[in-house]
Amino acid sequence: MKSATAPTSRRQEWRTFLLLTVILIPLLSVIIVAGYGFSVWFLQMLFGPPGHG
C-alpha cells in the first residue's frame, strides 16, 4: 500500500539530487581548488617561491 505523500517525496528527492549534483558539488570543488591556490600563492608571497635547498 502506497502512502499519499510518495509523489511529493519523490519529487523532493529529485530536487535535492539535482541541487547537489548541479550546484553544490561543483561550487564546493571550485571553492576548494581556489582556496588551495590562494594558500599556495600567499605562502609564496611570505617565504618566496620553492627552489633548490
C-alpha atoms as a PDB file:
ATOM      1  CA  MET A   1       0.000   0.000   0.000  1.00  0.00           C
ATOM      2  CA  LYS A   2       1.445   3.356  -1.053  1.00  0.00           C
ATOM      3  CA  SER A   3       1.165   6.458   1.033  1.00  0.00           C
ATOM      4  CA  ALA A   4      -0.344   9.678  -0.289  1.00  0.00           C
ATOM      5  CA  THR A   5       2.959  11.566   0.098  1.00  0.00           C
ATOM      6  CA  ALA A   6       5.005   9.278  -2.155  1.00  0.00           C
ATOM      7  CA  PRO A   7       4.954  11.525  -5.296  1.00  0.00           C
ATOM      8  CA  THR A   8       5.824  14.610  -3.253  1.00  0.00           C
ATOM      9  CA  SER A   9       8.750  12.976  -1.506  1.00  0.00           C
ATOM     10  CA  ARG A  10       9.951  11.525  -4.808  1.00  0.00           C
ATOM     11  CA  ARG A  11       9.851  14.990  -6.401  1.00  0.00           C
ATOM     12  CA  GLN A  12      11.702  16.400  -3.403  1.00  0.00           C
ATOM     13  CA  GLU A  13      14.303  13.626  -3.746  1.00  0.00           C
ATOM     14  CA  TRP A  14      14.936  14.595  -7.379  1.00  0.00           C
ATOM     15  CA  ARG A  15      15.189  18.284  -6.496  1.00  0.00           C
ATOM     16  CA  THR A  16      17.689  17.519  -3.770  1.00  0.00           C
ATOM     17  CA  PHE A  17      19.704  15.265  -6.084  1.00  0.00           C
ATOM     18  CA  LEU A  18      19.808  17.905  -8.813  1.00  0.00           C
ATOM     19  CA  LEU A  19      20.731  20.625  -6.328  1.00  0.00           C
ATOM     20  CA  LEU A  20      23.645  18.530  -5.080  1.00  0.00           C
ATOM     21  CA  THR A  21      24.927  17.405  -8.472  1.00  0.00           C
ATOM     22  CA  VAL A  22      24.392  20.592 -10.484  1.00  0.00           C
ATOM     23  CA  ILE A  23      25.069  23.345  -7.961  1.00  0.00           C
ATOM     24  CA  LEU A  24      26.557  22.269  -4.654  1.00  0.00           C
ATOM     25  CA  ILE A  25      29.284  19.786  -5.622  1.00  0.00           C
ATOM     26  CA  PRO A  26      30.738  21.904  -8.478  1.00  0.00           C
ATOM     27  CA  LEU A  27      30.621  25.016  -6.292  1.00  0.00           C
ATOM     28  CA  LEU A  28      32.409  23.262  -3.442  1.00  0.00           C
ATOM     29  CA  SER A  29      35.016  21.914  -5.862  1.00  0.00           C
ATOM     30  CA  VAL A  30      35.754  25.395  -7.199  1.00  0.00           C
ATOM     31  CA  ILE A  31      35.952  26.833  -3.674  1.00  0.00           C
ATOM     32  CA  ILE A  32      38.347  24.101  -2.503  1.00  0.00           C
ATOM     33  CA  VAL A  33      40.659  24.470  -5.519  1.00  0.00           C
ATOM     34  CA  ALA A  34      40.604  28.266  -5.303  1.00  0.00           C
ATOM     35  CA  GLY A  35      41.328  28.136  -1.572  1.00  0.00           C
ATOM     36  CA  TYR A  36      44.285  25.829  -2.133  1.00  0.00           C
ATOM     37  CA  GLY A  37      45.620  28.041  -4.921  1.00  0.00           C
ATOM     38  CA  PHE A  38      45.252  31.139  -2.753  1.00  0.00           C
ATOM     39  CA  SER A  39      47.068  29.492   0.153  1.00  0.00           C
ATOM     40  CA  VAL A  40      49.973  28.439  -2.107  1.00  0.00           C
ATOM     41  CA  TRP A  41      50.143  31.948  -3.581  1.00  0.00           C
ATOM     42  CA  PHE A  42      50.057  33.545  -0.133  1.00  0.00           C
ATOM     43  CA  LEU A  43      52.774  31.256   1.247  1.00  0.00           C
ATOM     44  CA  GLN A  44      54.954  32.068  -1.758  1.00  0.00           C
ATOM     45  CA  MET A  45      54.430  35.760  -1.026  1.00  0.00           C
ATOM     46  CA  LEU A  46      55.673  35.209   2.550  1.00  0.00           C
ATOM     47  CA  PHE A  47      58.505  32.714   2.028  1.00  0.00           C
ATOM     48  CA  GLY A  48      59.340  33.041  -1.659  1.00  0.00           C
ATOM     49  CA  PRO A  49      58.880  30.504  -4.412  1.00  0.00           C
ATOM     50  CA  PRO A  50      60.242  26.996  -3.941  1.00  0.00           C
ATOM     51  CA  GLY A  51      63.761  26.409  -5.152  1.00  0.00           C
ATOM     52  CA  HIS A  52      66.719  24.193  -4.595  1.00  0.00           C
ATOM     53  CA  GLY A  53      67.793  23.926  -0.961  1.00  0.00           C
END
